Amino acid sequence: MSSFAEMIQNITPELYESLKLAVEIGKWPDGRKLTQEQKELSLQAVIAWELKNLPEDQRTGYMGPQECASHDEPIPNILFSTNTLH
């Protein structure tokens, strides 16, 4: 049997799409349910294929820049407000 890396090299774009859909819906194209092991291996294959064939922003799990949009604004202190009524 060939190695995992060799199998990834043999994945066509069509097979990649089929694996990705199977992981997403939990079923093979013929309707059979994926086992937990099949889900894990298929997801690993999808991620490995994407690393070699897709730009980062198109890969599974990409979340974009992780900078807080309001990082320049101070965080309000609601516990010790200076506008107390006492």
N, C-alpha and C. Protein backbone atom coordinates (compact mmCIF):
# COMPACT_ATOMS: atom_id res chain seq x y z
N MET A 1 0.85 -1.19 0.00
CA MET A 1 0.00 0.00 0.00
C MET A 1 0.88 1.24 0.00
N SER A 2 0.48 2.26 -0.69
CA SER A 2 1.27 3.48 -0.76
C SER A 2 1.09 4.30 0.52
N SER A 3 2.01 5.23 0.71
CA SER A 3 1.96 6.07 1.90
C SER A 3 0.85 7.11 1.77
N PHE A 4 0.54 7.73 2.90
CA PHE A 4 -0.48 8.78 2.93
C PHE A 4 -0.08 9.90 1.98
N ALA A 5 1.19 10.30 1.99
CA ALA A 5 1.66 11.39 1.12
C ALA A 5 1.49 11.02 -0.35
N GLU A 6 1.75 9.77 -0.70
CA GLU A 6 1.57 9.33 -2.08
C GLU A 6 0.10 9.34 -2.47
N MET A 7 -0.76 8.96 -1.55
CA MET A 7 -2.20 8.98 -1.83
C MET A 7 -2.68 10.42 -2.05
N ILE A 8 -2.17 11.35 -1.26
CA ILE A 8 -2.57 12.76 -1.41
C ILE A 8 -2.18 13.27 -2.79
N GLN A 9 -1.02 12.88 -3.28
CA GLN A 9 -0.56 13.32 -4.60
C GLN A 9 -1.48 12.81 -5.71
N ASN A 10 -2.18 11.72 -5.46
CA ASN A 10 -3.05 11.12 -6.48
C ASN A 10 -4.49 11.62 -6.41
N ILE A 11 -4.78 12.50 -5.47
CA ILE A 11 -6.15 13.03 -5.36
C ILE A 11 -6.37 14.06 -6.47
N THR A 12 -7.40 13.85 -7.25
CA THR A 12 -7.78 14.81 -8.29
C THR A 12 -8.68 15.87 -7.67
N PRO A 13 -8.84 17.00 -8.33
CA PRO A 13 -9.78 18.01 -7.81
C PRO A 13 -11.19 17.45 -7.63
N GLU A 14 -11.62 16.55 -8.50
CA GLU A 14 -12.95 15.95 -8.39
C GLU A 14 -13.05 15.07 -7.14
N LEU A 15 -12.01 14.27 -6.90
CA LEU A 15 -11.99 13.41 -5.72
C LEU A 15 -11.93 14.25 -4.45
N TYR A 16 -11.15 15.33 -4.49
CA TYR A 16 -11.08 16.26 -3.35
C TYR A 16 -12.47 16.79 -3.02
N GLU A 17 -13.20 17.25 -4.02
CA GLU A 17 -14.55 17.78 -3.80
C GLU A 17 -15.47 16.71 -3.21
N SER A 18 -15.34 15.48 -3.69
CA SER A 18 -16.15 14.38 -3.18
C SER A 18 -15.82 14.07 -1.73
N LEU A 19 -14.53 14.05 -1.39
CA LEU A 19 -14.13 13.81 0.00
C LEU A 19 -14.61 14.93 0.92
N LYS A 20 -14.45 16.14 0.44
CA LYS A 20 -14.86 17.30 1.25
C LYS A 20 -16.37 17.26 1.53
N LEU A 21 -17.16 16.96 0.51
CA LEU A 21 -18.61 16.86 0.69
C LEU A 21 -18.96 15.72 1.64
N ALA A 22 -18.27 14.58 1.49
CA ALA A 22 -18.54 13.44 2.37
C ALA A 22 -18.28 13.81 3.83
N VAL A 23 -17.20 14.52 4.09
CA VAL A 23 -16.90 14.95 5.46
C VAL A 23 -17.97 15.92 5.95
N GLU A 24 -18.37 16.85 5.11
CA GLU A 24 -19.37 17.86 5.49
C GLU A 24 -20.72 17.25 5.85
N ILE A 25 -21.18 16.28 5.05
CA ILE A 25 -22.52 15.73 5.29
C ILE A 25 -22.50 14.38 6.01
N GLY A 26 -21.29 13.80 6.15
CA GLY A 26 -21.18 12.54 6.89
C GLY A 26 -21.61 11.32 6.10
N LYS A 27 -21.70 11.46 4.77
CA LYS A 27 -22.12 10.34 3.92
C LYS A 27 -21.28 10.30 2.66
N TRP A 28 -21.10 9.07 2.15
CA TRP A 28 -20.47 8.89 0.85
C TRP A 28 -21.49 9.24 -0.23
N PRO A 29 -21.02 9.47 -1.47
CA PRO A 29 -21.97 9.81 -2.54
C PRO A 29 -23.08 8.78 -2.73
N ASP A 30 -22.83 7.51 -2.37
CA ASP A 30 -23.87 6.49 -2.52
C ASP A 30 -24.83 6.43 -1.33
N GLY A 31 -24.65 7.32 -0.35
CA GLY A 31 -25.57 7.41 0.78
C GLY A 31 -25.12 6.69 2.04
N ARG A 32 -24.06 5.87 1.95
CA ARG A 32 -23.58 5.17 3.14
C ARG A 32 -22.95 6.17 4.11
N LYS A 33 -23.18 5.95 5.39
CA LYS A 33 -22.65 6.83 6.42
C LYS A 33 -21.16 6.57 6.63
N LEU A 34 -20.38 7.66 6.80
CA LEU A 34 -18.96 7.53 7.09
C LEU A 34 -18.78 7.06 8.52
N THR A 35 -17.81 6.18 8.74
CA THR A 35 -17.45 5.81 10.11
C THR A 35 -16.61 6.94 10.68
N GLN A 36 -16.40 6.93 11.99
CA GLN A 36 -15.58 7.96 12.62
C GLN A 36 -14.17 7.95 12.01
N GLU A 37 -13.63 6.75 11.81
CA GLU A 37 -12.28 6.64 11.24
C GLU A 37 -12.25 7.20 9.81
N GLN A 38 -13.29 6.92 9.03
CA GLN A 38 -13.35 7.45 7.67
C GLN A 38 -13.45 8.97 7.67
N LYS A 39 -14.22 9.53 8.60
CA LYS A 39 -14.32 10.99 8.71
C LYS A 39 -12.96 11.59 9.01
N GLU A 40 -12.26 11.00 9.98
CA GLU A 40 -10.95 11.52 10.39
C GLU A 40 -9.94 11.44 9.24
N LEU A 41 -9.86 10.30 8.59
CA LEU A 41 -8.91 10.13 7.49
C LEU A 41 -9.26 11.01 6.29
N SER A 42 -10.54 11.12 6.00
CA SER A 42 -10.97 11.95 4.88
C SER A 42 -10.67 13.41 5.15
N LEU A 43 -10.91 13.87 6.37
CA LEU A 43 -10.61 15.25 6.71
C LEU A 43 -9.11 15.51 6.65
N GLN A 44 -8.31 14.57 7.13
CA GLN A 44 -6.86 14.71 7.02
C GLN A 44 -6.43 14.81 5.56
N ALA A 45 -7.03 13.99 4.71
CA ALA A 45 -6.71 14.02 3.28
C ALA A 45 -7.11 15.36 2.66
N VAL A 46 -8.29 15.86 3.01
CA VAL A 46 -8.75 17.14 2.49
C VAL A 46 -7.79 18.25 2.89
N ILE A 47 -7.42 18.29 4.16
CA ILE A 47 -6.52 19.34 4.65
C ILE A 47 -5.15 19.23 3.99
N ALA A 48 -4.62 18.02 3.88
CA ALA A 48 -3.31 17.82 3.25
C ALA A 48 -3.34 18.24 1.78
N TRP A 49 -4.41 17.89 1.07
CA TRP A 49 -4.53 18.27 -0.34
C TRP A 49 -4.60 19.79 -0.47
N GLU A 50 -5.37 20.43 0.41
CA GLU A 50 -5.51 21.89 0.35
C GLU A 50 -4.17 22.59 0.60
N LEU A 51 -3.35 22.05 1.50
CA LEU A 51 -2.04 22.65 1.77
C LEU A 51 -1.18 22.73 0.52
N LYS A 52 -1.30 21.74 -0.34
CA LYS A 52 -0.48 21.69 -1.55
C LYS A 52 -1.13 22.40 -2.74
N ASN A 53 -2.45 22.56 -2.72
CA ASN A 53 -3.15 23.00 -3.93
C ASN A 53 -3.96 24.27 -3.83
N LEU A 54 -4.19 24.78 -2.65
CA LEU A 54 -5.03 25.97 -2.52
C LEU A 54 -4.31 27.08 -1.76
N PRO A 55 -4.61 28.34 -2.09
CA PRO A 55 -4.07 29.44 -1.29
C PRO A 55 -4.66 29.39 0.12
N GLU A 56 -3.94 29.93 1.05
CA GLU A 56 -4.32 29.84 2.47
C GLU A 56 -5.76 30.28 2.72
N ASP A 57 -6.19 31.35 2.09
CA ASP A 57 -7.53 31.88 2.38
C ASP A 57 -8.66 31.03 1.81
N GLN A 58 -8.34 29.96 1.06
CA GLN A 58 -9.37 29.06 0.53
C GLN A 58 -9.37 27.70 1.22
N ARG A 59 -8.52 27.53 2.22
CA ARG A 59 -8.40 26.24 2.90
C ARG A 59 -9.42 26.08 4.02
N THR A 60 -9.73 24.82 4.31
CA THR A 60 -10.63 24.48 5.41
C THR A 60 -10.09 25.07 6.71
N GLY A 61 -10.95 25.75 7.44
CA GLY A 61 -10.58 26.30 8.74
C GLY A 61 -9.99 27.68 8.70
N TYR A 62 -9.79 28.27 7.52
CA TYR A 62 -9.21 29.60 7.43
C TYR A 62 -10.13 30.61 8.10
N MET A 63 -9.55 31.43 8.96
CA MET A 63 -10.36 32.41 9.70
C MET A 63 -9.97 33.85 9.41
N GLY A 64 -9.03 34.08 8.54
CA GLY A 64 -8.62 35.44 8.20
C GLY A 64 -7.81 36.06 9.32
N PRO A 65 -7.48 37.33 9.14
CA PRO A 65 -6.71 38.03 10.17
C PRO A 65 -7.46 38.01 11.51
N GLN A 66 -6.72 37.81 12.58
CA GLN A 66 -7.36 37.67 13.88
C GLN A 66 -7.14 38.88 14.79
N GLU A 67 -7.04 40.04 14.21
CA GLU A 67 -6.88 41.25 14.99
C GLU A 67 -8.25 41.77 15.40
N CYS A 68 -8.37 42.16 16.61
CA CYS A 68 -9.63 42.69 17.12
C CYS A 68 -9.95 44.01 16.42
N ALA A 69 -11.14 44.15 15.92
CA ALA A 69 -11.54 45.35 15.19
C ALA A 69 -11.54 46.59 16.08
N SER A 70 -11.74 46.40 17.37
CA SER A 70 -11.80 47.56 18.27
C SER A 70 -10.56 47.63 19.16
N HIS A 71 -9.42 47.14 18.70
CA HIS A 71 -8.24 47.09 19.56
C HIS A 71 -7.73 48.46 19.97
N ASP A 72 -8.07 49.52 19.25
CA ASP A 72 -7.63 50.87 19.61
C ASP A 72 -8.53 51.53 20.65
N GLU A 73 -9.72 50.98 20.83
CA GLU A 73 -10.65 51.56 21.80
C GLU A 73 -10.41 50.97 23.18
N PRO A 74 -10.42 51.81 24.21
CA PRO A 74 -10.22 51.25 25.56
C PRO A 74 -11.41 50.40 25.98
N ILE A 75 -11.14 49.41 26.77
CA ILE A 75 -12.20 48.54 27.28
C ILE A 75 -12.84 49.25 28.46
N PRO A 76 -14.15 49.46 28.42
CA PRO A 76 -14.80 50.16 29.53
C PRO A 76 -14.77 49.32 30.81
N ASN A 77 -14.54 50.00 31.92
CA ASN A 77 -14.51 49.32 33.21
C ASN A 77 -15.88 49.49 33.85
N ILE A 78 -16.70 48.47 33.75
CA ILE A 78 -18.07 48.57 34.27
C ILE A 78 -18.12 48.28 35.77
N LEU A 79 -17.07 47.72 36.35
CA LEU A 79 -17.07 47.43 37.77
C LEU A 79 -16.69 48.65 38.62
N PHE A 80 -15.79 49.46 38.12
CA PHE A 80 -15.31 50.60 38.87
C PHE A 80 -15.44 51.89 38.06
N SER A 81 -16.64 52.23 37.74
CA SER A 81 -16.93 53.41 36.95
C SER A 81 -16.67 54.66 37.78
N THR A 82 -16.20 55.72 37.12
CA THR A 82 -15.97 56.99 37.82
C THR A 82 -17.25 57.79 37.93
N ASN A 83 -18.31 57.35 37.31
CA ASN A 83 -19.60 58.03 37.36
C ASN A 83 -20.50 57.39 38.39
N THR A 84 -20.07 57.32 39.65
CA THR A 84 -20.88 56.71 40.68
C THR A 84 -21.85 57.71 41.26
N LEU A 85 -22.88 57.20 41.88
CA LEU A 85 -23.92 58.07 42.44
C LEU A 85 -23.73 58.33 43.92
N HIS A 86 -22.71 57.84 44.58
CA HIS A 86 -22.57 58.06 46.02
C HIS A 86 -21.67 59.18 46.37
